PDB file of N, CA and C in Angstrom:
ATOM      1  N   MET A   1      -9.308  -4.868  -7.847  1.00  0.00           N
ATOM      2  CA  MET A   1      -8.693  -5.622  -7.832  1.00  0.00           C
ATOM      3  C   MET A   1      -7.501  -6.580  -7.290  1.00  0.00           C
ATOM      4  N   ARG A   2      -6.841  -5.372  -6.864  1.00  0.00           N
ATOM      5  CA  ARG A   2      -5.673  -5.438  -6.006  1.00  0.00           C
ATOM      6  C   ARG A   2      -6.368  -5.742  -4.488  1.00  0.00           C
ATOM      7  N   SER A   3      -7.379  -4.492  -4.533  1.00  0.00           N
ATOM      8  CA  SER A   3      -8.020  -4.943  -2.796  1.00  0.00           C
ATOM      9  C   SER A   3      -8.771  -6.045  -2.503  1.00  0.00           C
ATOM     10  N   LEU A   4      -8.941  -7.148  -3.233  1.00  0.00           N
ATOM     11  CA  LEU A   4      -9.336  -8.330  -2.788  1.00  0.00           C
ATOM     12  C   LEU A   4      -7.916  -9.238  -1.989  1.00  0.00           C
ATOM     13  N   ALA A   5      -7.114  -8.721  -2.474  1.00  0.00           N
ATOM     14  CA  ALA A   5      -5.607  -9.384  -2.037  1.00  0.00           C
ATOM     15  C   ALA A   5      -6.218 -10.250  -0.763  1.00  0.00           C
ATOM     16  N   LEU A   6      -5.714  -8.762   0.171  1.00  0.00           N
ATOM     17  CA  LEU A   6      -6.359  -8.983   1.235  1.00  0.00           C
ATOM     18  C   LEU A   6      -7.712  -9.793   1.853  1.00  0.00           C
ATOM     19  N   VAL A   7      -8.854 -10.107   0.735  1.00  0.00           N
ATOM     20  CA  VAL A   7     -10.123 -11.227   1.534  1.00  0.00           C
ATOM     21  C   VAL A   7      -9.287 -12.654   0.958  1.00  0.00           C
ATOM     22  N   VAL A   8      -8.458 -12.425  -0.160  1.00  0.00           N
ATOM     23  CA  VAL A   8      -8.180 -13.935  -0.328  1.00  0.00           C
ATOM     24  C   VAL A   8      -7.225 -14.571   0.577  1.00  0.00           C
ATOM     25  N   LEU A   9      -6.066 -13.271   1.974  1.00  0.00           N
ATOM     26  CA  LEU A   9      -5.105 -13.765   2.268  1.00  0.00           C
ATOM     27  C   LEU A   9      -6.331 -14.400   3.868  1.00  0.00           C
ATOM     28  N   LEU A  10      -7.173 -13.383   3.953  1.00  0.00           N
ATOM     29  CA  LEU A  10      -7.909 -13.981   4.891  1.00  0.00           C
ATOM     30  C   LEU A  10      -8.759 -14.930   4.617  1.00  0.00           C
ATOM     31  N   ALA A  11      -9.403 -15.229   3.490  1.00  0.00           N
ATOM     32  CA  ALA A  11      -9.878 -17.046   3.365  1.00  0.00           C
ATOM     33  C   ALA A  11      -9.371 -17.754   3.086  1.00  0.00           C
ATOM     34  N   ALA A  12      -7.733 -17.676   2.954  1.00  0.00           N
ATOM     35  CA  ALA A  12      -6.548 -18.908   3.239  1.00  0.00           C
ATOM     36  C   ALA A  12      -6.565 -19.450   4.839  1.00  0.00           C
ATOM     37  N   CYS A  13      -7.299 -18.636   5.935  1.00  0.00           N
ATOM     38  CA  CYS A  13      -6.656 -18.984   7.278  1.00  0.00           C
ATOM     39  C   CYS A  13      -6.987 -19.614   7.425  1.00  0.00           C
ATOM     40  N   GLY A  14      -8.174 -20.602   6.134  1.00  0.00           N
ATOM     41  CA  GLY A  14      -9.024 -21.923   6.532  1.00  0.00           C
ATOM     42  C   GLY A  14      -9.995 -22.116   7.805  1.00  0.00           C
ATOM     43  N   PRO A  15     -10.862 -23.114   7.492  1.00  0.00           N
ATOM     44  CA  PRO A  15     -12.047 -22.972   8.589  1.00  0.00           C
ATOM     45  C   PRO A  15     -12.322 -22.850   9.871  1.00  0.00           C
ATOM     46  N   ASP A  16     -11.159 -23.526  10.294  1.00  0.00           N
ATOM     47  CA  ASP A  16     -11.421 -23.336  11.910  1.00  0.00           C
ATOM     48  C   ASP A  16     -10.813 -21.519  11.645  1.00  0.00           C
ATOM     49  N   ASP A  17     -10.254 -20.717  11.034  1.00  0.00           N
ATOM     50  CA  ASP A  17      -9.966 -19.642  11.732  1.00  0.00           C
ATOM     51  C   ASP A  17     -11.176 -18.747  11.343  1.00  0.00           C
ATOM     52  N   THR A  18     -12.307 -18.438  11.541  1.00  0.00           N
ATOM     53  CA  THR A  18     -12.876 -17.689  11.432  1.00  0.00           C
ATOM     54  C   THR A  18     -12.770 -16.085  11.063  1.00  0.00           C
ATOM     55  N   ASP A  19     -12.997 -15.244  10.940  1.00  0.00           N
ATOM     56  CA  ASP A  19     -13.486 -13.476  10.837  1.00  0.00           C
ATOM     57  C   ASP A  19     -14.097 -12.956  11.616  1.00  0.00           C
ATOM     58  N   THR A  20     -15.415 -13.966  11.816  1.00  0.00           N
ATOM     59  CA  THR A  20     -16.198 -13.431  12.764  1.00  0.00           C
ATOM     60  C   THR A  20     -16.490 -14.086  14.062  1.00  0.00           C
ATOM     61  N   ASP A  21     -17.035 -13.392  15.058  1.00  0.00           N
ATOM     62  CA  ASP A  21     -18.071 -13.646  16.311  1.00  0.00           C
ATOM     63  C   ASP A  21     -19.258 -14.367  15.339  1.00  0.00           C
ATOM     64  N   PRO A  22     -19.563 -15.897  15.521  1.00  0.00           N
ATOM     65  CA  PRO A  22     -21.065 -16.541  15.563  1.00  0.00           C
ATOM     66  C   PRO A  22     -22.123 -15.565  15.994  1.00  0.00           C
ATOM     67  N   ASP A  23     -21.613 -15.388  17.273  1.00  0.00           N
ATOM     68  CA  ASP A  23     -22.397 -14.878  17.955  1.00  0.00           C
ATOM     69  C   ASP A  23     -23.018 -13.253  18.374  1.00  0.00           C
ATOM     70  N   THR A  24     -21.935 -12.873  17.866  1.00  0.00           N
ATOM     71  CA  THR A  24     -21.980 -10.908  17.657  1.00  0.00           C
ATOM     72  C   THR A  24     -21.848 -10.892  16.538  1.00  0.00           C
ATOM     73  N   ASP A  25     -21.292 -11.238  15.740  1.00  0.00           N
ATOM     74  CA  ASP A  25     -21.262 -11.510  14.113  1.00  0.00           C
ATOM     75  C   ASP A  25     -19.856 -10.046  14.392  1.00  0.00           C
ATOM     76  N   VAL A  26     -19.385  -9.878  14.882  1.00  0.00           N
ATOM     77  CA  VAL A  26     -18.396  -8.612  15.759  1.00  0.00           C
ATOM     78  C   VAL A  26     -16.878  -9.658  14.847  1.00  0.00           C
ATOM     79  N   VAL A  27     -15.669  -8.282  13.696  1.00  0.00           N
ATOM     80  CA  VAL A  27     -14.719  -8.993  13.126  1.00  0.00           C
ATOM     81  C   VAL A  27     -13.853  -9.354  13.990  1.00  0.00           C
ATOM     82  N   ASP A  28     -12.999 -10.252  13.687  1.00  0.00           N
ATOM     83  CA  ASP A  28     -12.062 -10.674  15.172  1.00  0.00           C
ATOM     84  C   ASP A  28     -10.961  -9.950  14.722  1.00  0.00           C
ATOM     85  N   THR A  29     -10.361  -9.401  15.076  1.00  0.00           N
ATOM     86  CA  THR A  29      -9.964  -8.465  14.538  1.00  0.00           C
ATOM     87  C   THR A  29      -7.846  -8.890  14.806  1.00  0.00           C
ATOM     88  N   ASP A  30      -7.714 -10.259  15.569  1.00  0.00           N
ATOM     89  CA  ASP A  30      -6.867 -11.743  15.856  1.00  0.00           C
ATOM     90  C   ASP A  30      -6.489 -11.803  14.382  1.00  0.00           C
ATOM     91  N   VAL A  31      -7.453 -12.118  13.535  1.00  0.00           N
ATOM     92  CA  VAL A  31      -7.467 -13.008  12.176  1.00  0.00           C
ATOM     93  C   VAL A  31      -7.200 -11.433  11.563  1.00  0.00           C
ATOM     94  N   ILE A  32      -7.702 -10.308  11.921  1.00  0.00           N
ATOM     95  CA  ILE A  32      -6.959  -9.905  10.862  1.00  0.00           C
ATOM     96  C   ILE A  32      -5.381  -8.831  11.307  1.00  0.00           C
ATOM     97  N   ASP A  33      -4.945  -8.928  12.077  1.00  0.00           N
ATOM     98  CA  ASP A  33      -3.886  -8.531  12.344  1.00  0.00           C
ATOM     99  C   ASP A  33      -2.695  -9.483  11.835  1.00  0.00           C
ATOM    100  N   GLU A  34      -3.142 -10.830  11.843  1.00  0.00           N
ATOM    101  CA  GLU A  34      -2.276 -11.696  12.081  1.00  0.00           C
ATOM    102  C   GLU A  34      -2.332 -11.708  10.321  1.00  0.00           C
ATOM    103  N   ALA A  35      -3.378 -11.330   9.585  1.00  0.00           N
ATOM    104  CA  ALA A  35      -2.920 -11.546   7.857  1.00  0.00           C
ATOM    105  C   ALA A  35      -2.223 -10.172   7.921  1.00  0.00           C
ATOM    106  N   CYS A  36      -2.178  -9.129   8.140  1.00  0.00           N
ATOM    107  CA  CYS A  36      -1.592  -7.581   8.132  1.00  0.00           C
ATOM    108  C   CYS A  36      -0.170  -7.942   8.327  1.00  0.00           C
ATOM    109  N   ALA A  37       0.272  -8.596   9.537  1.00  0.00           N
ATOM    110  CA  ALA A  37       1.807  -8.558   9.716  1.00  0.00           C
ATOM    111  C   ALA A  37       2.749  -8.685   9.133  1.00  0.00           C
ATOM    112  N   PRO A  38       2.688  -9.464   7.753  1.00  0.00           N
ATOM    113  CA  PRO A  38       3.790  -8.938   6.593  1.00  0.00           C
ATOM    114  C   PRO A  38       3.917  -7.467   6.302  1.00  0.00           C
ATOM    115  N   TYR A  39       2.715  -7.191   6.276  1.00  0.00           N
ATOM    116  CA  TYR A  39       1.962  -5.658   5.848  1.00  0.00           C
ATOM    117  C   TYR A  39       2.768  -3.991   6.259  1.00  0.00           C
ATOM    118  N   THR A  40       3.587  -4.444   6.277  1.00  0.00           N
ATOM    119  CA  THR A  40       4.113  -2.275   7.394  1.00  0.00           C
ATOM    120  C   THR A  40       5.135  -2.050   6.641  1.00  0.00           C
ATOM    121  N   TRP A  41       5.345  -0.479   6.732  1.00  0.00           N
ATOM    122  CA  TRP A  41       5.899   0.552   6.351  1.00  0.00           C
ATOM    123  C   TRP A  41       7.189  -0.062   6.090  1.00  0.00           C
ATOM    124  N   SER A  42       7.918  -0.424   6.831  1.00  0.00           N
ATOM    125  CA  SER A  42       9.728  -1.036   6.318  1.00  0.00           C
ATOM    126  C   SER A  42       9.321  -1.810   5.731  1.00  0.00           C
ATOM    127  N   THR A  43       8.490  -3.014   5.179  1.00  0.00           N
ATOM    128  CA  THR A  43       8.662  -4.097   5.090  1.00  0.00           C
ATOM    129  C   THR A  43       8.233  -4.044   3.392  1.00  0.00           C
ATOM    130  N   VAL A  44       6.989  -2.958   3.164  1.00  0.00           N
ATOM    131  CA  VAL A  44       6.349  -3.556   2.009  1.00  0.00           C
ATOM    132  C   VAL A  44       6.251  -1.972   1.280  1.00  0.00           C
ATOM    133  N   GLY A  45       5.338  -0.487   2.308  1.00  0.00           N
ATOM    134  CA  GLY A  45       5.410   0.820   2.294  1.00  0.00           C
ATOM    135  C   GLY A  45       7.215   1.294   1.165  1.00  0.00           C
ATOM    136  N   GLU A  46       7.975   1.583   2.312  1.00  0.00           N
ATOM    137  CA  GLU A  46       8.874   2.038   2.044  1.00  0.00           C
ATOM    138  C   GLU A  46       9.717   1.932   1.279  1.00  0.00           C
ATOM    139  N   PRO A  47      10.238   0.211   1.149  1.00  0.00           N
ATOM    140  CA  PRO A  47      10.689   0.265  -0.184  1.00  0.00           C
ATOM    141  C   PRO A  47       9.720   0.308  -1.111  1.00  0.00           C
ATOM    142  N   PHE A  48       8.441   0.099  -1.266  1.00  0.00           N
ATOM    143  CA  PHE A  48       8.447   0.706  -2.509  1.00  0.00           C
ATOM    144  C   PHE A  48       8.171   1.866  -3.170  1.00  0.00           C
ATOM    145  N   VAL A  49       8.033   2.398  -1.771  1.00  0.00           N
ATOM    146  CA  VAL A  49       8.046   4.138  -2.396  1.00  0.00           C
ATOM    147  C   VAL A  49       9.579   4.635  -2.708  1.00  0.00           C
ATOM    148  N   ARG A  50      10.553   4.108  -1.834  1.00  0.00           N
ATOM    149  CA  ARG A  50      11.707   4.636  -2.523  1.00  0.00           C
ATOM    150  C   ARG A  50      12.564   3.919  -3.832  1.00  0.00           C
ATOM    151  N   THR A  51      11.733   2.640  -4.378  1.00  0.00           N
ATOM    152  CA  THR A  51      12.193   2.569  -5.729  1.00  0.00           C
ATOM    153  C   THR A  51      11.527   2.715  -6.382  1.00  0.00           C
ATOM    154  N   TRP A  52       9.955   3.248  -6.380  1.00  0.00           N
ATOM    155  CA  TRP A  52       9.551   3.629  -7.636  1.00  0.00           C
ATOM    156  C   TRP A  52       8.695   4.630  -7.955  1.00  0.00           C
ATOM    157  N   CYS A  53       8.364   5.994  -5.892  1.00  0.00           N
ATOM    158  CA  CYS A  53       8.419   7.059  -6.407  1.00  0.00           C
ATOM    159  C   CYS A  53       9.023   8.441  -6.053  1.00  0.00           C
ATOM    160  N   SER A  54      10.335   8.040  -5.743  1.00  0.00           N
ATOM    161  CA  SER A  54      11.257   9.083  -4.848  1.00  0.00           C
ATOM    162  C   SER A  54      12.433   9.658  -5.862  1.00  0.00           C
ATOM    163  N   SER A  55      12.789   8.768  -6.869  1.00  0.00           N
ATOM    164  CA  SER A  55      13.511   9.546  -8.219  1.00  0.00           C
ATOM    165  C   SER A  55      12.490  10.544  -7.939  1.00  0.00           C
ATOM    166  N   CYS A  56      11.100  10.903  -8.457  1.00  0.00           N
ATOM    167  CA  CYS A  56      10.392  11.863  -8.922  1.00  0.00           C
ATOM    168  C   CYS A  56       9.564  13.092  -7.507  1.00  0.00           C
ATOM    169  N   HIS A  57       9.641  12.105  -6.308  1.00  0.00           N
ATOM    170  CA  HIS A  57       8.637  12.406  -5.127  1.00  0.00           C
ATOM    171  C   HIS A  57       9.461  12.622  -4.124  1.00  0.00           C
ATOM    172  N   GLY A  58      10.416  13.520  -4.322  1.00  0.00           N
ATOM    173  CA  GLY A  58      11.373  13.624  -3.306  1.00  0.00           C
ATOM    174  C   GLY A  58      11.746  15.409  -3.194  1.00  0.00           C
ATOM    175  N   SER A  59      11.750  15.453  -1.954  1.00  0.00           N
ATOM    176  CA  SER A  59      11.915  17.182  -1.733  1.00  0.00           C
ATOM    177  C   SER A  59      13.257  18.319  -1.927  1.00  0.00           C
ATOM    178  N   ALA A  60      14.808  16.849  -2.430  1.00  0.00           N
ATOM    179  CA  ALA A  60      15.612  17.483  -2.590  1.00  0.00           C
ATOM    180  C   ALA A  60      15.917  17.571  -3.323  1.00  0.00           C
ATOM    181  N   LEU A  61      14.790  17.079  -4.493  1.00  0.00           N
ATOM    182  CA  LEU A  61      14.929  17.185  -6.581  1.00  0.00           C
ATOM    183  C   LEU A  61      14.414  18.735  -6.006  1.00  0.00           C
ATOM    184  N   ALA A  62      14.940  19.087  -7.734  1.00  0.00           N
ATOM    185  CA  ALA A  62      15.036  20.667  -7.833  1.00  0.00           C
ATOM    186  C   ALA A  62      13.251  20.158  -9.237  1.00  0.00           C
ATOM    187  N   THR A  63      12.879  21.459  -9.568  1.00  0.00           N
ATOM    188  CA  THR A  63      11.910  21.157 -10.338  1.00  0.00           C
ATOM    189  C   THR A  63      11.616  20.210 -11.638  1.00  0.00           C
ATOM    190  N   ASP A  64      13.274  20.809 -12.210  1.00  0.00           N
ATOM    191  CA  ASP A  64      13.231  20.055 -13.405  1.00  0.00           C
ATOM    192  C   ASP A  64      13.412  18.799 -13.226  1.00  0.00           C
ATOM    193  N   GLN A  65      14.080  18.675 -11.928  1.00  0.00           N
ATOM    194  CA  GLN A  65      15.046  17.195 -12.103  1.00  0.00           C
ATOM    195  C   GLN A  65      13.761  15.669 -11.741  1.00  0.00           C
ATOM    196  N   ARG A  66      11.746  16.419 -11.496  1.00  0.00           N
ATOM    197  CA  ARG A  66      10.793  15.686 -11.405  1.00  0.00           C
ATOM    198  C   ARG A  66      10.171  15.028 -12.099  1.00  0.00           C
ATOM    199  N   GLN A  67      10.432  15.050 -13.166  1.00  0.00           N
ATOM    200  CA  GLN A  67       9.976  14.417 -14.260  1.00  0.00           C
ATOM    201  C   GLN A  67       7.889  15.309 -14.195  1.00  0.00           C
ATOM    202  N   GLY A  68       8.189  16.003 -13.869  1.00  0.00           N
ATOM    203  CA  GLY A  68       6.553  16.441 -13.925  1.00  0.00           C
ATOM    204  C   GLY A  68       6.203  16.375 -13.325  1.00  0.00           C
ATOM    205  N   ALA A  69       6.582  15.819 -11.849  1.00  0.00           N
ATOM    206  CA  ALA A  69       5.966  15.568 -10.435  1.00  0.00           C
ATOM    207  C   ALA A  69       5.703  16.961  -9.301  1.00  0.00           C
ATOM    208  N   PRO A  70       4.850  17.240  -9.067  1.00  0.00           N
ATOM    209  CA  PRO A  70       4.414  18.821  -8.605  1.00  0.00           C
ATOM    210  C   PRO A  70       5.472  19.046  -7.536  1.00  0.00           C
ATOM    211  N   ASP A  71       5.611  20.543  -7.535  1.00  0.00           N
ATOM    212  CA  ASP A  71       6.640  20.384  -6.023  1.00  0.00           C
ATOM    213  C   ASP A  71       5.328  20.332  -5.044  1.00  0.00           C
ATOM    214  N   GLY A  72       6.303  19.916  -4.147  1.00  0.00           N
ATOM    215  CA  GLY A  72       5.141  19.524  -2.548  1.00  0.00           C
ATOM    216  C   GLY A  72       4.890  17.982  -2.566  1.00  0.00           C
ATOM    217  N   THR A  73       4.516  17.803  -3.531  1.00  0.00           N
ATOM    218  CA  THR A  73       4.309  16.411  -3.761  1.00  0.00           C
ATOM    219  C   THR A  73       4.919  14.990  -3.257  1.00  0.00           C
ATOM    220  N   ASN A  74       5.295  15.252  -1.902  1.00  0.00           N
ATOM    221  CA  ASN A  74       6.814  14.196  -1.708  1.00  0.00           C
ATOM    222  C   ASN A  74       6.904  13.151  -0.588  1.00  0.00           C
ATOM    223  N   PHE A  75       7.236  12.019  -1.722  1.00  0.00           N
ATOM    224  CA  PHE A  75       7.117  11.311  -0.551  1.00  0.00           C
ATOM    225  C   PHE A  75       8.055  10.377   0.390  1.00  0.00           C
ATOM    226  N   ASP A  76       9.069  10.890   1.016  1.00  0.00           N
ATOM    227  CA  ASP A  76      10.635  11.428   1.657  1.00  0.00           C
ATOM    228  C   ASP A  76      10.145  10.596   2.771  1.00  0.00           C
ATOM    229  N   THR A  77       8.577  10.626   3.659  1.00  0.00           N
ATOM    230  CA  THR A  77       8.504   9.957   4.819  1.00  0.00           C
ATOM    231  C   THR A  77       7.359   9.332   4.705  1.00  0.00           C
ATOM    232  N   TYR A  78       7.146   8.461   6.016  1.00  0.00           N
ATOM    233  CA  TYR A  78       5.943   7.667   6.495  1.00  0.00           C
ATOM    234  C   TYR A  78       4.595   8.471   6.158  1.00  0.00           C
ATOM    235  N   THR A  79       4.868   9.828   6.936  1.00  0.00           N
ATOM    236  CA  THR A  79       3.853  10.775   7.089  1.00  0.00           C
ATOM    237  C   THR A  79       3.612  10.972   5.933  1.00  0.00           C
ATOM    238  N   ASP A  80       4.960  12.121   4.919  1.00  0.00           N
ATOM    239  CA  ASP A  80       4.286  12.281   3.438  1.00  0.00           C
ATOM    240  C   ASP A  80       3.844  11.165   2.895  1.00  0.00           C
ATOM    241  N   VAL A  81       3.806  10.059   2.817  1.00  0.00           N
ATOM    242  CA  VAL A  81       2.703   9.048   2.434  1.00  0.00           C
ATOM    243  C   VAL A  81       1.540   9.318   2.601  1.00  0.00           C
ATOM    244  N   GLN A  82       1.454   9.127   4.108  1.00  0.00           N
ATOM    245  CA  GLN A  82       0.071   9.147   4.589  1.00  0.00           C
ATOM    246  C   GLN A  82      -1.010  10.241   4.231  1.00  0.00           C
ATOM    247  N   THR A  83      -0.393  11.805   4.004  1.00  0.00           N
ATOM    248  CA  THR A  83      -0.917  12.854   3.485  1.00  0.00           C
ATOM    249  C   THR A  83      -1.286  12.533   2.288  1.00  0.00           C
ATOM    250  N   TRP A  84      -0.631  11.556   1.623  1.00  0.00           N
ATOM    251  CA  TRP A  84      -0.867  11.372   0.108  1.00  0.00           C
ATOM    252  C   TRP A  84      -1.713   9.621  -0.670  1.00  0.00           C
ATOM    253  N   LEU A  85      -1.591   9.289   0.321  1.00  0.00           N
ATOM    254  CA  LEU A  85      -2.154   7.760   0.289  1.00  0.00           C
ATOM    255  C   LEU A  85      -3.031   7.349  -0.538  1.00  0.00           C
ATOM    256  N   ALA A  86      -4.380   7.867  -0.680  1.00  0.00           N
ATOM    257  CA  ALA A  86      -4.680   7.508  -1.318  1.00  0.00           C
ATOM    258  C   ALA A  86      -5.271   8.629  -2.834  1.00  0.00           C
ATOM    259  N   ARG A  87      -4.608   9.122  -3.186  1.00  0.00           N
ATOM    260  CA  ARG A  87      -3.955   9.726  -4.429  1.00  0.00           C
ATOM    261  C   ARG A  87      -2.939   8.503  -4.846  1.00  0.00           C
ATOM    262  N   ILE A  88      -1.931   8.165  -3.896  1.00  0.00           N
ATOM    263  CA  ILE A  88      -1.268   7.055  -4.412  1.00  0.00           C
ATOM    264  C   ILE A  88      -1.754   6.017  -4.847  1.00  0.00           C
ATOM    265  N   GLN A  89      -2.526   5.580  -4.077  1.00  0.00           N
ATOM    266  CA  GLN A  89      -4.071   4.661  -4.554  1.00  0.00           C
ATOM    267  C   GLN A  89      -3.906   4.691  -5.384  1.00  0.00           C
ATOM    268  N   LEU A  90      -4.802   5.105  -5.787  1.00  0.00           N
ATOM    269  CA  LEU A  90      -6.287   6.014  -7.339  1.00  0.00           C
ATOM    270  C   LEU A  90      -4.605   5.860  -8.108  1.00  0.00           C
ATOM    271  N   ARG A  91      -3.384   6.357  -8.248  1.00  0.00           N
ATOM    272  CA  ARG A  91      -2.802   6.371  -8.961  1.00  0.00           C
ATOM    273  C   ARG A  91      -2.062   5.384  -9.581  1.00  0.00           C
ATOM    274  N   THR A  92      -1.898   4.541  -8.077  1.00  0.00           N
ATOM    275  CA  THR A  92      -0.810   3.300  -8.767  1.00  0.00           C
ATOM    276  C   THR A  92      -1.903   2.364  -9.174  1.00  0.00           C
ATOM    277  N   LEU A  93      -2.384   2.021  -8.231  1.00  0.00           N
ATOM    278  CA  LEU A  93      -3.112   0.159  -8.306  1.00  0.00           C
ATOM    279  C   LEU A  93      -5.276   0.877  -8.665  1.00  0.00           C
ATOM    280  N   GLU A  94      -5.260   1.839  -9.707  1.00  0.00           N
ATOM    281  CA  GLU A  94      -6.660   2.022  -9.892  1.00  0.00           C
ATOM    282  C   GLU A  94      -6.798   2.200 -11.021  1.00  0.00           C
ATOM    283  N   GLN A  95      -6.124   3.548 -10.984  1.00  0.00           N
ATOM    284  CA  GLN A  95      -5.942   4.329 -12.750  1.00  0.00           C
ATOM    285  C   GLN A  95      -4.318   3.127 -13.778  1.00  0.00           C
ATOM    286  N   VAL A  96      -3.489   2.842 -12.440  1.00  0.00           N
ATOM    287  CA  VAL A  96      -2.670   2.173 -13.004  1.00  0.00           C
ATOM    288  C   VAL A  96      -1.671   3.365 -14.513  1.00  0.00           C
ATOM    289  N   ASP A  97      -1.025   4.941 -13.960  1.00  0.00           N
ATOM    290  CA  ASP A  97      -0.758   5.541 -14.346  1.00  0.00           C
ATOM    291  C   ASP A  97       0.529   5.678 -13.898  1.00  0.00           C
ATOM    292  N   MET A  98       0.425   5.075 -12.629  1.00  0.00           N
ATOM    293  CA  MET A  98       2.195   5.634 -11.801  1.00  0.00           C
ATOM    294  C   MET A  98       2.770   4.705 -11.286  1.00  0.00           C
ATOM    295  N   PRO A  99       4.118   4.720 -11.754  1.00  0.00           N
ATOM    296  CA  PRO A  99       4.926   5.016 -12.234  1.00  0.00           C
ATOM    297  C   PRO A  99       4.770   5.440 -13.732  1.00  0.00           C
ATOM    298  N   PRO A 100       4.545   6.561 -14.665  1.00  0.00           N
ATOM    299  CA  PRO A 100       4.547   6.561 -15.918  1.00  0.00           C
ATOM    300  C   PRO A 100       5.356   5.568 -16.428  1.00  0.00           C
ATOM    301  N   ALA A 101       6.858   5.835 -16.067  1.00  0.00           N
ATOM    302  CA  ALA A 101       7.333   4.313 -16.781  1.00  0.00           C
ATOM    303  C   ALA A 101       6.916   3.394 -16.855  1.00  0.00           C
ATOM    304  N   GLY A 102       6.662   2.347 -15.803  1.00  0.00           N
ATOM    305  CA  GLY A 102       5.907   1.148 -15.418  1.00  0.00           C
ATOM    306  C   GLY A 102       6.840   1.404 -14.506  1.00  0.00           C
ATOM    307  N   GLY A 103       7.187  -0.591 -14.089  1.00  0.00           N
ATOM    308  CA  GLY A 103       7.492  -0.536 -13.827  1.00  0.00           C
ATOM    309  C   GLY A 103       7.532  -2.061 -12.409  1.00  0.00           C
ATOM    310  N   PRO A 104       6.906  -1.490 -11.587  1.00  0.00           N
ATOM    311  CA  PRO A 104       6.706  -2.396 -10.172  1.00  0.00           C
ATOM    312  C   PRO A 104       5.901  -3.685 -10.769  1.00  0.00           C
ATOM    313  N   THR A 105       6.193  -5.099 -10.333  1.00  0.00           N
ATOM    314  CA  THR A 105       5.730  -6.173 -10.941  1.00  0.00           C
ATOM    315  C   THR A 105       4.158  -6.622 -10.230  1.00  0.00           C
ATOM    316  N   GLU A 106       3.667  -7.130 -10.883  1.00  0.00           N
ATOM    317  CA  GLU A 106       2.079  -7.734  -9.832  1.00  0.00           C
ATOM    318  C   GLU A 106       2.814  -8.010  -8.700  1.00  0.00           C
ATOM    319  N   ALA A 107       3.791  -9.263  -7.996  1.00  0.00           N
ATOM    320  CA  ALA A 107       3.543  -9.168  -6.834  1.00  0.00           C
ATOM    321  C   ALA A 107       4.085  -7.686  -5.833  1.00  0.00           C
ATOM    322  N   ASP A 108       4.737  -6.796  -6.567  1.00  0.00           N
ATOM    323  CA  ASP A 108       4.947  -5.564  -6.071  1.00  0.00           C
ATOM    324  C   ASP A 108       3.511  -5.049  -5.931  1.00  0.00           C
ATOM    325  N   LEU A 109       3.039  -4.737  -6.474  1.00  0.00           N
ATOM    326  CA  LEU A 109       1.449  -4.305  -6.502  1.00  0.00           C
ATOM    327  C   LEU A 109       0.497  -4.550  -5.638  1.00  0.00           C
ATOM    328  N   ASP A 110       0.617  -6.444  -5.312  1.00  0.00           N
ATOM    329  CA  ASP A 110      -0.347  -6.860  -4.420  1.00  0.00           C
ATOM    330  C   ASP A 110       0.390  -6.476  -3.203  1.00  0.00           C
ATOM    331  N   ALA A 111       1.288  -6.695  -2.902  1.00  0.00           N
ATOM    332  CA  ALA A 111       1.564  -6.314  -1.851  1.00  0.00           C
ATOM    333  C   ALA A 111       1.089  -4.756  -1.551  1.00  0.00           C
ATOM    334  N   LEU A 112       1.286  -3.640  -2.084  1.00  0.00           N
ATOM    335  CA  LEU A 112       1.613  -2.898  -1.941  1.00  0.00           C
ATOM    336  C   LEU A 112       0.154  -2.648  -1.682  1.00  0.00           C
ATOM    337  N   ALA A 113      -1.263  -2.877  -2.029  1.00  0.00           N
ATOM    338  CA  ALA A 113      -2.482  -2.939  -1.965  1.00  0.00           C
ATOM    339  C   ALA A 113      -2.850  -3.658  -0.677  1.00  0.00           C
ATOM    340  N   ALA A 114      -2.192  -4.635  -1.012  1.00  0.00           N
ATOM    341  CA  ALA A 114      -2.393  -5.581   1.088  1.00  0.00           C
ATOM    342  C   ALA A 114      -1.930  -4.386   1.888  1.00  0.00           C
ATOM    343  N   TRP A 115      -1.007  -3.835   2.009  1.00  0.00           N
ATOM    344  CA  TRP A 115      -0.533  -2.844   3.020  1.00  0.00           C
ATOM    345  C   TRP A 115      -1.071  -1.665   3.086  1.00  0.00           C
ATOM    346  N   ILE A 116      -1.560  -1.161   1.575  1.00  0.00           N
ATOM    347  CA  ILE A 116      -2.870   0.155   1.881  1.00  0.00           C
ATOM    348  C   ILE A 116      -4.477  -0.280   2.360  1.00  0.00           C
ATOM    349  N   ASP A 117      -4.647  -1.808   1.858  1.00  0.00           N
ATOM    350  CA  ASP A 117      -6.273  -2.421   2.858  1.00  0.00           C
ATOM    351  C   ASP A 117      -6.219  -2.710   4.887  1.00  0.00           C
ATOM    352  N   CYS A 118      -5.263  -2.999   4.513  1.00  0.00           N
ATOM    353  CA  CYS A 118      -4.193  -2.879   6.145  1.00  0.00           C
ATOM    354  C   CYS A 118      -4.056  -2.394   7.090  1.00  0.00           C
ATOM    355  N   GLY A 119      -4.167  -0.896   6.230  1.00  0.00           N
ATOM    356  CA  GLY A 119      -4.385   0.390   7.069  1.00  0.00           C
ATOM    357  C   GLY A 119      -3.394   1.018   6.947  1.00  0.00           C
ATOM    358  N   ALA A 120      -2.714   0.579   6.065  1.00  0.00           N
ATOM    359  CA  ALA A 120      -0.650   1.023   5.621  1.00  0.00           C
ATOM    360  C   ALA A 120      -0.448   1.388   7.019  1.00  0.00           C
ATOM    361  N   PRO A 121      -0.070   0.048   7.619  1.00  0.00           N
ATOM    362  CA  PRO A 121       0.342   0.441   9.252  1.00  0.00           C
ATOM    363  C   PRO A 121       1.694   0.790   9.026  1.00  0.00           C
ATOM    364  N   GLU A 122       2.823   1.192   9.836  1.00  0.00           N
ATOM    365  CA  GLU A 122       3.476   1.535   9.883  1.00  0.00           C
ATOM    366  C   GLU A 122       4.982   0.811  10.976  1.00  0.00           C
TER     367      GLU A 122
END
């Protein structure tokens, strides 16, 4: 459902902003880049992770402070998040069992989904 956020965003560009070239049927990356521009690590990914994930998935936390998060499953950096991105998407957006106490708003989750759909750019 959330993966539709990018599709809806692209559809909102209007009839004059086509996402394909009618002669070649190739995706117009300028339209996609424009739609994805607001979704970056610093605007979406990092704030989401710092707010909802780092309290359990931080490398500085002792095992007994991680609330059951496996040792080594850390989201301290962009590179860490990239390593675990498929799992973050699964648990946060598909299974919706992370964070276990809940908390993120629908808008936060939609922004996270759009960031991931855009390729989780830095």
